[in-house]
C-alpha atoms as a PDB file:
ATOM      1  CA  UNK A   1      -0.142   0.006  -0.061  1.00  0.00           C
ATOM      2  CA  UNK A   2       1.409   3.350  -1.114  1.00  0.00           C
ATOM      3  CA  UNK A   3       2.310   5.948   1.661  1.00  0.00           C
ATOM      4  CA  UNK A   4      -0.277   8.430   0.443  1.00  0.00           C
ATOM      5  CA  UNK A   5      -3.025   5.880   0.384  1.00  0.00           C
ATOM      6  CA  UNK A   6      -2.145   4.879   4.151  1.00  0.00           C
ATOM      7  CA  UNK A   7      -2.089   8.444   5.045  1.00  0.00           C
ATOM      8  CA  UNK A   8      -5.649   8.909   3.732  1.00  0.00           C
ATOM      9  CA  UNK A   9      -6.821   5.895   5.468  1.00  0.00           C
ATOM     10  CA  UNK A  10      -5.548   7.313   8.742  1.00  0.00           C
ATOM     11  CA  UNK A  11      -6.939  10.412   8.182  1.00  0.00           C
ATOM     12  CA  UNK A  12     -10.424   9.067   7.850  1.00  0.00           C
ATOM     13  CA  UNK A  13      -9.916   7.045  10.587  1.00  0.00           C
ATOM     14  CA  UNK A  14      -8.880   9.861  12.928  1.00  0.00           C
ATOM     15  CA  UNK A  15     -11.999  11.609  11.883  1.00  0.00           C
ATOM     16  CA  UNK A  16     -14.361   8.585  11.880  1.00  0.00           C
ATOM     17  CA  UNK A  17     -13.529   6.891  14.999  1.00  0.00           C
ATOM     18  CA  UNK A  18     -14.343   9.833  17.416  1.00  0.00           C
ATOM     19  CA  UNK A  19     -17.526  10.641  15.281  1.00  0.00           C
ATOM     20  CA  UNK A  20     -18.560   6.930  15.646  1.00  0.00           C
ATOM     21  CA  UNK A  21     -18.018   7.026  19.467  1.00  0.00           C
ATOM     22  CA  UNK A  22     -19.924  10.270  19.981  1.00  0.00           C
ATOM     23  CA  UNK A  23     -22.884   9.291  17.979  1.00  0.00           C
ATOM     24  CA  UNK A  24     -23.008   6.027  19.934  1.00  0.00           C
ATOM     25  CA  UNK A  25     -22.784   8.042  23.310  1.00  0.00           C
ATOM     26  CA  UNK A  26     -25.851  10.469  22.084  1.00  0.00           C
ATOM     27  CA  UNK A  27     -27.820   7.391  20.985  1.00  0.00           C
ATOM     28  CA  UNK A  28     -31.566   7.872  20.176  1.00  0.00           C
ATOM     29  CA  UNK A  29     -32.731   9.314  17.047  1.00  0.00           C
ATOM     30  CA  UNK A  30     -29.434  10.667  16.149  1.00  0.00           C
ATOM     31  CA  UNK A  31     -27.915   7.321  16.172  1.00  0.00           C
ATOM     32  CA  UNK A  32     -30.801   6.059  14.443  1.00  0.00           C
ATOM     33  CA  UNK A  33     -30.604   8.735  11.733  1.00  0.00           C
ATOM     34  CA  UNK A  34     -26.969   8.630  11.063  1.00  0.00           C
ATOM     35  CA  UNK A  35     -26.997   4.889  10.844  1.00  0.00           C
ATOM     36  CA  UNK A  36     -29.951   5.075   8.415  1.00  0.00           C
ATOM     37  CA  UNK A  37     -28.123   7.483   6.212  1.00  0.00           C
ATOM     38  CA  UNK A  38     -24.900   5.086   6.112  1.00  0.00           C
ATOM     39  CA  UNK A  39     -27.258   2.382   5.384  1.00  0.00           C
ATOM     40  CA  UNK A  40     -28.937   4.200   2.552  1.00  0.00           C
ATOM     41  CA  UNK A  41     -25.588   5.229   1.235  1.00  0.00           C
ATOM     42  CA  UNK A  42     -24.443   1.538   1.245  1.00  0.00           C
ATOM     43  CA  UNK A  43     -27.525   0.256  -0.604  1.00  0.00           C
ATOM     44  CA  UNK A  44     -27.185   2.966  -3.023  1.00  0.00           C
ATOM     45  CA  UNK A  45     -23.740   1.426  -3.802  1.00  0.00           C
ATOM     46  CA  UNK A  46     -25.127  -2.008  -3.993  1.00  0.00           C
ATOM     47  CA  UNK A  47     -27.493  -0.797  -6.625  1.00  0.00           C
ATOM     48  CA  UNK A  48     -24.886   0.874  -8.536  1.00  0.00           C
ATOM     49  CA  UNK A  49     -22.829  -2.385  -8.612  1.00  0.00           C
ATOM     50  CA  UNK A  50     -26.047  -4.196  -9.918  1.00  0.00           C
ATOM     51  CA  UNK A  51     -26.127  -1.692 -12.818  1.00  0.00           C
ATOM     52  CA  UNK A  52     -22.581  -2.663 -14.128  1.00  0.00           C
ATOM     53  CA  UNK A  53     -24.201  -6.297 -14.580  1.00  0.00           C
ATOM     54  CA  UNK A  54     -27.099  -4.609 -16.567  1.00  0.00           C
ATOM     55  CA  UNK A  55     -29.831  -4.583 -13.900  1.00  0.00           C
ATOM     56  CA  UNK A  56     -31.978  -1.707 -13.257  1.00  0.00           C
ATOM     57  CA  UNK A  57     -32.905  -1.708  -9.486  1.00  0.00           C
ATOM     58  CA  UNK A  58     -35.220   1.012  -8.057  1.00  0.00           C
ATOM     59  CA  UNK A  59     -32.639   3.155  -6.212  1.00  0.00           C
ATOM     60  CA  UNK A  60     -35.207   5.543  -4.599  1.00  0.00           C
ATOM     61  CA  UNK A  61     -37.556   2.789  -3.295  1.00  0.00           C
ATOM     62  CA  UNK A  62     -34.612   0.599  -2.141  1.00  0.00           C
ATOM     63  CA  UNK A  63     -32.615   3.532  -0.293  1.00  0.00           C
ATOM     64  CA  UNK A  64     -35.935   4.686   1.343  1.00  0.00           C
ATOM     65  CA  UNK A  65     -36.862   1.163   2.436  1.00  0.00           C
ATOM     66  CA  UNK A  66     -33.227   0.884   3.802  1.00  0.00           C
ATOM     67  CA  UNK A  67     -33.393   3.921   5.824  1.00  0.00           C
ATOM     68  CA  UNK A  68     -36.858   2.915   7.173  1.00  0.00           C
ATOM     69  CA  UNK A  69     -35.402  -0.380   8.363  1.00  0.00           C
ATOM     70  CA  UNK A  70     -33.075   1.315  10.406  1.00  0.00           C
ATOM     71  CA  UNK A  71     -35.360   3.989  11.780  1.00  0.00           C
ATOM     72  CA  UNK A  72     -37.858   0.987  12.710  1.00  0.00           C
ATOM     73  CA  UNK A  73     -35.144  -0.266  14.910  1.00  0.00           C
ATOM     74  CA  UNK A  74     -34.842   2.966  16.569  1.00  0.00           C
ATOM     75  CA  UNK A  75     -38.494   3.159  17.267  1.00  0.00           C
ATOM     76  CA  UNK A  76     -38.644  -0.463  18.508  1.00  0.00           C
ATOM     77  CA  UNK A  77     -35.129  -1.459  19.672  1.00  0.00           C
ATOM     78  CA  UNK A  78     -36.190  -4.908  20.790  1.00  0.00           C
ATOM     79  CA  UNK A  79     -35.955  -7.896  18.412  1.00  0.00           C
ATOM     80  CA  UNK A  80     -39.705  -8.904  18.941  1.00  0.00           C
ATOM     81  CA  UNK A  81     -40.867  -5.504  18.341  1.00  0.00           C
ATOM     82  CA  UNK A  82     -38.692  -4.577  15.532  1.00  0.00           C
ATOM     83  CA  UNK A  83     -39.459  -7.944  13.547  1.00  0.00           C
ATOM     84  CA  UNK A  84     -43.208  -6.935  12.549  1.00  0.00           C
ATOM     85  CA  UNK A  85     -42.017  -3.293  11.360  1.00  0.00           C
ATOM     86  CA  UNK A  86     -39.113  -4.783   9.431  1.00  0.00           C
ATOM     87  CA  UNK A  87     -41.519  -7.280   7.902  1.00  0.00           C
ATOM     88  CA  UNK A  88     -43.853  -4.322   6.918  1.00  0.00           C
ATOM     89  CA  UNK A  89     -41.059  -2.280   5.263  1.00  0.00           C
ATOM     90  CA  UNK A  90     -39.916  -5.156   3.325  1.00  0.00           C
ATOM     91  CA  UNK A  91     -43.249  -6.188   2.366  1.00  0.00           C
ATOM     92  CA  UNK A  92     -44.116  -2.671   0.986  1.00  0.00           C
ATOM     93  CA  UNK A  93     -40.809  -2.491  -0.825  1.00  0.00           C
ATOM     94  CA  UNK A  94     -41.436  -5.760  -2.519  1.00  0.00           C
ATOM     95  CA  UNK A  95     -44.942  -4.664  -3.544  1.00  0.00           C
ATOM     96  CA  UNK A  96     -43.903  -1.332  -4.891  1.00  0.00           C
ATOM     97  CA  UNK A  97     -40.797  -2.855  -6.702  1.00  0.00           C
ATOM     98  CA  UNK A  98     -43.200  -5.375  -8.491  1.00  0.00           C
ATOM     99  CA  UNK A  99     -45.668  -2.733  -9.365  1.00  0.00           C
ATOM    100  CA  UNK A 100     -42.921  -0.454 -10.636  1.00  0.00           C
ATOM    101  CA  UNK A 101     -41.351  -3.222 -12.636  1.00  0.00           C
ATOM    102  CA  UNK A 102     -44.453  -4.401 -14.087  1.00  0.00           C
ATOM    103  CA  UNK A 103     -46.602  -1.296 -15.051  1.00  0.00           C
ATOM    104  CA  UNK A 104     -43.916   1.250 -15.201  1.00  0.00           C
ATOM    105  CA  UNK A 105     -41.086  -0.285 -16.961  1.00  0.00           C
ATOM    106  CA  UNK A 106     -42.751  -3.358 -18.433  1.00  0.00           C
ATOM    107  CA  UNK A 107     -41.741  -6.904 -19.105  1.00  0.00           C
ATOM    108  CA  UNK A 108     -38.881  -6.147 -21.583  1.00  0.00           C
ATOM    109  CA  UNK A 109     -36.865  -4.284 -18.890  1.00  0.00           C
ATOM    110  CA  UNK A 110     -35.929  -7.005 -16.681  1.00  0.00           C
ATOM    111  CA  UNK A 111     -38.703  -6.804 -13.920  1.00  0.00           C
ATOM    112  CA  UNK A 112     -37.359 -10.118 -12.017  1.00  0.00           C
ATOM    113  CA  UNK A 113     -33.864  -8.709 -11.813  1.00  0.00           C
ATOM    114  CA  UNK A 114     -35.009  -5.211 -10.944  1.00  0.00           C
ATOM    115  CA  UNK A 115     -37.025  -6.236  -8.045  1.00  0.00           C
ATOM    116  CA  UNK A 116     -34.998  -8.750  -6.566  1.00  0.00           C
ATOM    117  CA  UNK A 117     -32.007  -6.709  -6.450  1.00  0.00           C
ATOM    118  CA  UNK A 118     -34.087  -3.756  -5.207  1.00  0.00           C
ATOM    119  CA  UNK A 119     -35.254  -6.100  -2.205  1.00  0.00           C
ATOM    120  CA  UNK A 120     -31.589  -7.519  -1.701  1.00  0.00           C
ATOM    121  CA  UNK A 121     -30.070  -4.274  -1.473  1.00  0.00           C
ATOM    122  CA  UNK A 122     -32.340  -3.073   1.263  1.00  0.00           C
ATOM    123  CA  UNK A 123     -31.847  -6.469   3.356  1.00  0.00           C
ATOM    124  CA  UNK A 124     -28.092  -6.185   2.763  1.00  0.00           C
ATOM    125  CA  UNK A 125     -27.512  -2.865   4.029  1.00  0.00           C
ATOM    126  CA  UNK A 126     -30.602  -1.986   6.154  1.00  0.00           C
ATOM    127  CA  UNK A 127     -31.231  -5.224   8.101  1.00  0.00           C
ATOM    128  CA  UNK A 128     -27.548  -5.493   8.889  1.00  0.00           C
ATOM    129  CA  UNK A 129     -27.038  -1.943  10.212  1.00  0.00           C
ATOM    130  CA  UNK A 130     -30.610  -1.977  11.991  1.00  0.00           C
ATOM    131  CA  UNK A 131     -28.866  -4.344  14.501  1.00  0.00           C
ATOM    132  CA  UNK A 132     -26.765  -1.249  15.635  1.00  0.00           C
ATOM    133  CA  UNK A 133     -29.687   0.310  17.523  1.00  0.00           C
ATOM    134  CA  UNK A 134     -30.820  -3.131  18.700  1.00  0.00           C
ATOM    135  CA  UNK A 135     -27.478  -3.721  20.026  1.00  0.00           C
ATOM    136  CA  UNK A 136     -27.433  -0.189  21.548  1.00  0.00           C
ATOM    137  CA  UNK A 137     -30.383  -0.845  23.614  1.00  0.00           C
ATOM    138  CA  UNK A 138     -29.364  -4.243  25.108  1.00  0.00           C
ATOM    139  CA  UNK A 139     -27.446  -3.031  28.180  1.00  0.00           C
ATOM    140  CA  UNK A 140     -30.630  -1.031  29.215  1.00  0.00           C
ATOM    141  CA  UNK A 141     -32.823  -3.767  28.340  1.00  0.00           C
ATOM    142  CA  UNK A 142     -30.874  -6.588  30.106  1.00  0.00           C
ATOM    143  CA  UNK A 143     -29.669  -4.807  33.098  1.00  0.00           C
ATOM    144  CA  UNK A 144     -26.073  -5.176  32.070  1.00  0.00           C
ATOM    145  CA  UNK A 145     -24.985  -1.763  33.161  1.00  0.00           C
ATOM    146  CA  UNK A 146     -26.037  -2.260  36.610  1.00  0.00           C
ATOM    147  CA  UNK A 147     -28.705  -0.148  38.629  1.00  0.00           C
ATOM    148  CA  UNK A 148     -27.741   3.106  36.931  1.00  0.00           C
ATOM    149  CA  UNK A 149     -26.174   2.467  33.805  1.00  0.00           C
ATOM    150  CA  UNK A 150     -24.044   4.775  32.148  1.00  0.00           C
ATOM    151  CA  UNK A 151     -24.442   5.859  28.554  1.00  0.00           C
ATOM    152  CA  UNK A 152     -20.904   4.291  27.887  1.00  0.00           C
ATOM    153  CA  UNK A 153     -22.611   0.832  28.503  1.00  0.00           C
ATOM    154  CA  UNK A 154     -24.271   1.180  25.381  1.00  0.00           C
ATOM    155  CA  UNK A 155     -21.389   2.405  23.550  1.00  0.00           C
ATOM    156  CA  UNK A 156     -19.443  -0.272  25.082  1.00  0.00           C
ATOM    157  CA  UNK A 157     -21.707  -3.065  23.667  1.00  0.00           C
ATOM    158  CA  UNK A 158     -21.827  -1.650  20.159  1.00  0.00           C
ATOM    159  CA  UNK A 159     -17.905  -1.524  20.362  1.00  0.00           C
ATOM    160  CA  UNK A 160     -17.460  -5.218  20.845  1.00  0.00           C
ATOM    161  CA  UNK A 161     -18.095  -6.174  17.138  1.00  0.00           C
ATOM    162  CA  UNK A 162     -16.654  -2.807  15.938  1.00  0.00           C
ATOM    163  CA  UNK A 163     -13.365  -3.743  17.746  1.00  0.00           C
ATOM    164  CA  UNK A 164     -13.278  -7.373  17.012  1.00  0.00           C
ATOM    165  CA  UNK A 165     -13.783  -6.717  13.329  1.00  0.00           C
ATOM    166  CA  UNK A 166     -11.480  -3.677  12.743  1.00  0.00           C
ATOM    167  CA  UNK A 167      -8.661  -5.268  14.842  1.00  0.00           C
ATOM    168  CA  UNK A 168      -9.224  -8.657  13.042  1.00  0.00           C
ATOM    169  CA  UNK A 169      -9.075  -6.838   9.720  1.00  0.00           C
ATOM    170  CA  UNK A 170      -5.831  -5.057  10.709  1.00  0.00           C
ATOM    171  CA  UNK A 171      -4.238  -8.229  11.703  1.00  0.00           C
ATOM    172  CA  UNK A 172      -5.398  -9.956   8.592  1.00  0.00           C
ATOM    173  CA  UNK A 173      -3.785  -7.330   6.263  1.00  0.00           C
ATOM    174  CA  UNK A 174      -0.562  -7.279   7.991  1.00  0.00           C
ATOM    175  CA  UNK A 175      -0.057 -11.026   8.389  1.00  0.00           C
ATOM    176  CA  UNK A 176      -1.445 -11.401   4.744  1.00  0.00           C
ATOM    177  CA  UNK A 177       1.232  -9.073   3.430  1.00  0.00           C
ATOM    178  CA  UNK A 178       3.968 -10.782   5.572  1.00  0.00           C
ATOM    179  CA  UNK A 179       3.167 -14.429   5.173  1.00  0.00           C
ATOM    180  CA  UNK A 180       0.077 -14.808   2.755  1.00  0.00           C
ATOM    181  CA  UNK A 181       1.114 -17.342   0.169  1.00  0.00           C
ATOM    182  CA  UNK A 182      -1.784 -19.711  -0.013  1.00  0.00           C
ATOM    183  CA  UNK A 183      -4.951 -17.872  -1.404  1.00  0.00           C
ATOM    184  CA  UNK A 184      -8.152 -18.175   0.616  1.00  0.00           C
ATOM    185  CA  UNK A 185     -10.579 -17.669  -2.275  1.00  0.00           C
ATOM    186  CA  UNK A 186      -8.697 -16.841  -5.137  1.00  0.00           C
ATOM    187  CA  UNK A 187     -11.876 -16.649  -7.608  1.00  0.00           C
ATOM    188  CA  UNK A 188     -13.292 -14.287  -5.319  1.00  0.00           C
ATOM    189  CA  UNK A 189     -10.528 -11.941  -3.545  1.00  0.00           C
ATOM    190  CA  UNK A 190      -6.945 -12.983  -5.004  1.00  0.00           C
ATOM    191  CA  UNK A 191      -5.203 -11.168  -2.250  1.00  0.00           C
ATOM    192  CA  UNK A 192      -6.874 -12.672   0.676  1.00  0.00           C
ATOM    193  CA  UNK A 193      -4.706 -15.668   2.161  1.00  0.00           C
ATOM    194  CA  UNK A 194      -5.152 -18.509   4.643  1.00  0.00           C
ATOM    195  CA  UNK A 195      -2.456 -16.914   6.825  1.00  0.00           C
ATOM    196  CA  UNK A 196      -4.461 -13.513   6.734  1.00  0.00           C
ATOM    197  CA  UNK A 197      -7.593 -15.350   7.746  1.00  0.00           C
ATOM    198  CA  UNK A 198      -6.112 -17.025  10.733  1.00  0.00           C
ATOM    199  CA  UNK A 199      -4.526 -13.888  11.837  1.00  0.00           C
ATOM    200  CA  UNK A 200      -7.926 -12.271  11.422  1.00  0.00           C
ATOM    201  CA  UNK A 201      -9.721 -14.513  13.525  1.00  0.00           C
ATOM    202  CA  UNK A 202      -6.971 -14.496  16.046  1.00  0.00           C
ATOM    203  CA  UNK A 203      -6.761 -10.633  16.074  1.00  0.00           C
ATOM    204  CA  UNK A 204     -10.530 -10.667  16.576  1.00  0.00           C
ATOM    205  CA  UNK A 205     -10.414 -12.805  19.523  1.00  0.00           C
ATOM    206  CA  UNK A 206      -7.671 -10.684  20.972  1.00  0.00           C
ATOM    207  CA  UNK A 207      -9.554  -7.507  20.296  1.00  0.00           C
ATOM    208  CA  UNK A 208     -12.762  -8.937  21.983  1.00  0.00           C
ATOM    209  CA  UNK A 209     -10.488  -9.923  25.045  1.00  0.00           C
ATOM    210  CA  UNK A 210      -9.049  -6.608  25.021  1.00  0.00           C
ATOM    211  CA  UNK A 211     -12.697  -5.065  24.950  1.00  0.00           C
ATOM    212  CA  UNK A 212     -13.727  -7.012  28.050  1.00  0.00           C
ATOM    213  CA  UNK A 213     -10.800  -5.743  30.051  1.00  0.00           C
ATOM    214  CA  UNK A 214     -11.597  -2.221  29.053  1.00  0.00           C
ATOM    215  CA  UNK A 215     -15.286  -2.225  29.457  1.00  0.00           C
ATOM    216  CA  UNK A 216     -15.582  -4.844  32.387  1.00  0.00           C
ATOM    217  CA  UNK A 217     -16.660  -1.870  34.930  1.00  0.00           C
ATOM    218  CA  UNK A 218     -19.227  -0.487  32.380  1.00  0.00           C
ATOM    219  CA  UNK A 219     -20.859  -3.691  32.196  1.00  0.00           C
ATOM    220  CA  UNK A 220     -20.884  -4.829  35.639  1.00  0.00           C
ATOM    221  CA  UNK A 221     -23.738  -7.171  35.215  1.00  0.00           C
ATOM    222  CA  UNK A 222     -22.745  -8.103  31.434  1.00  0.00           C
ATOM    223  CA  UNK A 223     -23.446 -11.173  29.548  1.00  0.00           C
ATOM    224  CA  UNK A 224     -19.903 -12.718  29.421  1.00  0.00           C
ATOM    225  CA  UNK A 225     -18.768 -15.093  32.579  1.00  0.00           C
ATOM    226  CA  UNK A 226     -15.079 -14.461  31.715  1.00  0.00           C
ATOM    227  CA  UNK A 227     -12.335 -13.450  29.187  1.00  0.00           C
ATOM    228  CA  UNK A 228     -12.249 -16.919  27.421  1.00  0.00           C
ATOM    229  CA  UNK A 229     -15.707 -16.910  26.499  1.00  0.00           C
ATOM    230  CA  UNK A 230     -15.292 -13.206  25.123  1.00  0.00           C
ATOM    231  CA  UNK A 231     -12.456 -14.247  23.183  1.00  0.00           C
ATOM    232  CA  UNK A 232     -14.491 -17.182  21.649  1.00  0.00           C
ATOM    233  CA  UNK A 233     -17.204 -15.006  20.829  1.00  0.00           C
ATOM    234  CA  UNK A 234     -14.410 -12.679  19.183  1.00  0.00           C
ATOM    235  CA  UNK A 235     -13.164 -15.394  17.215  1.00  0.00           C
ATOM    236  CA  UNK A 236     -16.934 -16.295  15.709  1.00  0.00           C
ATOM    237  CA  UNK A 237     -17.230 -12.239  14.785  1.00  0.00           C
ATOM    238  CA  UNK A 238     -13.818 -12.672  13.134  1.00  0.00           C
ATOM    239  CA  UNK A 239     -14.957 -15.643  10.913  1.00  0.00           C
ATOM    240  CA  UNK A 240     -18.259 -13.602  10.329  1.00  0.00           C
ATOM    241  CA  UNK A 241     -16.303 -10.548   9.302  1.00  0.00           C
ATOM    242  CA  UNK A 242     -14.265 -12.415   6.784  1.00  0.00           C
ATOM    243  CA  UNK A 243     -17.422 -13.940   5.340  1.00  0.00           C
ATOM    244  CA  UNK A 244     -18.948 -10.471   4.951  1.00  0.00           C
ATOM    245  CA  UNK A 245     -15.698  -9.121   3.211  1.00  0.00           C
ATOM    246  CA  UNK A 246     -15.668 -12.069   0.807  1.00  0.00           C
ATOM    247  CA  UNK A 247     -19.255 -11.383  -0.060  1.00  0.00           C
ATOM    248  CA  UNK A 248     -18.744  -7.975  -0.882  1.00  0.00           C
ATOM    249  CA  UNK A 249     -15.682  -8.866  -2.982  1.00  0.00           C
ATOM    250  CA  UNK A 250     -17.865 -11.333  -4.856  1.00  0.00           C
ATOM    251  CA  UNK A 251     -20.496  -8.693  -5.703  1.00  0.00           C
ATOM    252  CA  UNK A 252     -17.496  -6.260  -6.900  1.00  0.00           C
ATOM    253  CA  UNK A 253     -16.097  -9.003  -8.988  1.00  0.00           C
ATOM    254  CA  UNK A 254     -19.416  -9.662 -10.545  1.00  0.00           C
ATOM    255  CA  UNK A 255     -19.684  -5.905 -11.213  1.00  0.00           C
ATOM    256  CA  UNK A 256     -16.112  -5.787 -12.682  1.00  0.00           C
ATOM    257  CA  UNK A 257     -15.010  -2.710 -10.267  1.00  0.00           C
ATOM    258  CA  UNK A 258     -12.249  -2.430  -7.518  1.00  0.00           C
ATOM    259  CA  UNK A 259     -14.194  -0.328  -5.069  1.00  0.00           C
ATOM    260  CA  UNK A 260     -17.874   0.112  -4.395  1.00  0.00           C
ATOM    261  CA  UNK A 261     -17.447   3.811  -4.463  1.00  0.00           C
ATOM    262  CA  UNK A 262     -15.162   6.764  -3.879  1.00  0.00           C
ATOM    263  CA  UNK A 263     -16.870   8.525  -1.083  1.00  0.00           C
ATOM    264  CA  UNK A 264     -14.048   7.934   1.557  1.00  0.00           C
ATOM    265  CA  UNK A 265     -10.492   8.943   0.450  1.00  0.00           C
ATOM    266  CA  UNK A 266      -8.246   5.781   0.490  1.00  0.00           C
ATOM    267  CA  UNK A 267     -11.152   3.505   1.605  1.00  0.00           C
ATOM    268  CA  UNK A 268     -13.188   3.227  -1.548  1.00  0.00           C
ATOM    269  CA  UNK A 269     -16.972   3.444  -0.769  1.00  0.00           C
ATOM    270  CA  UNK A 270     -19.246   2.912   2.289  1.00  0.00           C
ATOM    271  CA  UNK A 271     -19.747  -0.733   1.375  1.00  0.00           C
ATOM    272  CA  UNK A 272     -15.905  -1.196   1.378  1.00  0.00           C
ATOM    273  CA  UNK A 273     -15.831   0.058   4.893  1.00  0.00           C
ATOM    274  CA  UNK A 274     -18.708  -1.932   6.244  1.00  0.00           C
ATOM    275  CA  UNK A 275     -18.450  -5.082   4.329  1.00  0.00           C
ATOM    276  CA  UNK A 276     -17.230  -7.138   7.409  1.00  0.00           C
ATOM    277  CA  UNK A 277     -19.729  -5.435   9.691  1.00  0.00           C
ATOM    278  CA  UNK A 278     -22.806  -6.538   7.499  1.00  0.00           C
ATOM    279  CA  UNK A 279     -22.204 -10.044   8.846  1.00  0.00           C
ATOM    280  CA  UNK A 280     -20.417  -9.456  12.248  1.00  0.00           C
ATOM    281  CA  UNK A 281     -22.761  -6.798  13.523  1.00  0.00           C
ATOM    282  CA  UNK A 282     -26.056  -9.173  13.131  1.00  0.00           C
ATOM    283  CA  UNK A 283     -23.945 -12.343  14.438  1.00  0.00           C
ATOM    284  CA  UNK A 284     -23.271 -10.238  17.606  1.00  0.00           C
ATOM    285  CA  UNK A 285     -26.839  -9.276  18.196  1.00  0.00           C
ATOM    286  CA  UNK A 286     -27.767 -12.937  17.719  1.00  0.00           C
ATOM    287  CA  UNK A 287     -25.132 -14.070  20.158  1.00  0.00           C
ATOM    288  CA  UNK A 288     -25.759 -11.316  22.753  1.00  0.00           C
ATOM    289  CA  UNK A 289     -29.488 -11.373  22.612  1.00  0.00           C
ATOM    290  CA  UNK A 290     -29.340 -15.255  23.129  1.00  0.00           C
ATOM    291  CA  UNK A 291     -26.943 -14.936  26.021  1.00  0.00           C
ATOM    292  CA  UNK A 292     -29.297 -12.350  27.523  1.00  0.00           C
ATOM    293  CA  UNK A 293     -32.220 -14.694  27.207  1.00  0.00           C
ATOM    294  CA  UNK A 294     -30.413 -17.641  28.706  1.00  0.00           C
ATOM    295  CA  UNK A 295     -28.900 -15.793  31.532  1.00  0.00           C
END
């Protein structure tokens, strides 16, 4: 990686990380609104990738439904309450896309592909990022922050998948550069190696362990029983992150492009930055929600 590109990446991180922490600390509608915008941008990039293959998804419908999905999680930040709203959003999107494809564009303009990709983009970007408000609400709902929970408890719980994913990604990058010879999935992402994947999972586990040591006081009644359990969860998140990364790489390879967009200097598009999170965020919510239920 060129020095200039690395400098741009660090510049974006220097601005982005404090901004993410600040939005998580404020929470509420500001969090839901910001995440909805990010999800909408990611969905838009997904639709642009699809256009490289000849498909014509309904951008406005898909982006609106994507944002609505995240806002629904902000309105009802519990899985049982969120599910009917999410189903309603997706049902409305599907019907609207079908009607538009059939009666506005006509059967000669690929109605099946247009409808399918429009729905897929909203699910891919919207459903995955809707788990951010759901995660954010877990400490208060489950009592993990103690009798008088600090706003930092909510920040901490969302920081778990973020920390595991980002540290795992960094470990995979440097290990892959140093020792990566055997390719992990050459037909999808030629640069990814087994050495990088192992380092990524190990780094994610170490990141989760470090997260536990830093946040233990913020979550005195938290879901974990020790650092080993947290590290195991971190390893699972590391695997999920790698799968998310490979899925986005497959979409870009199908579209024949290097990056999903150019919004972030040195980072590509929004999807290029959240590709791993599209898997690790939902997996983290599923694991944590399950642990809150059984304990």
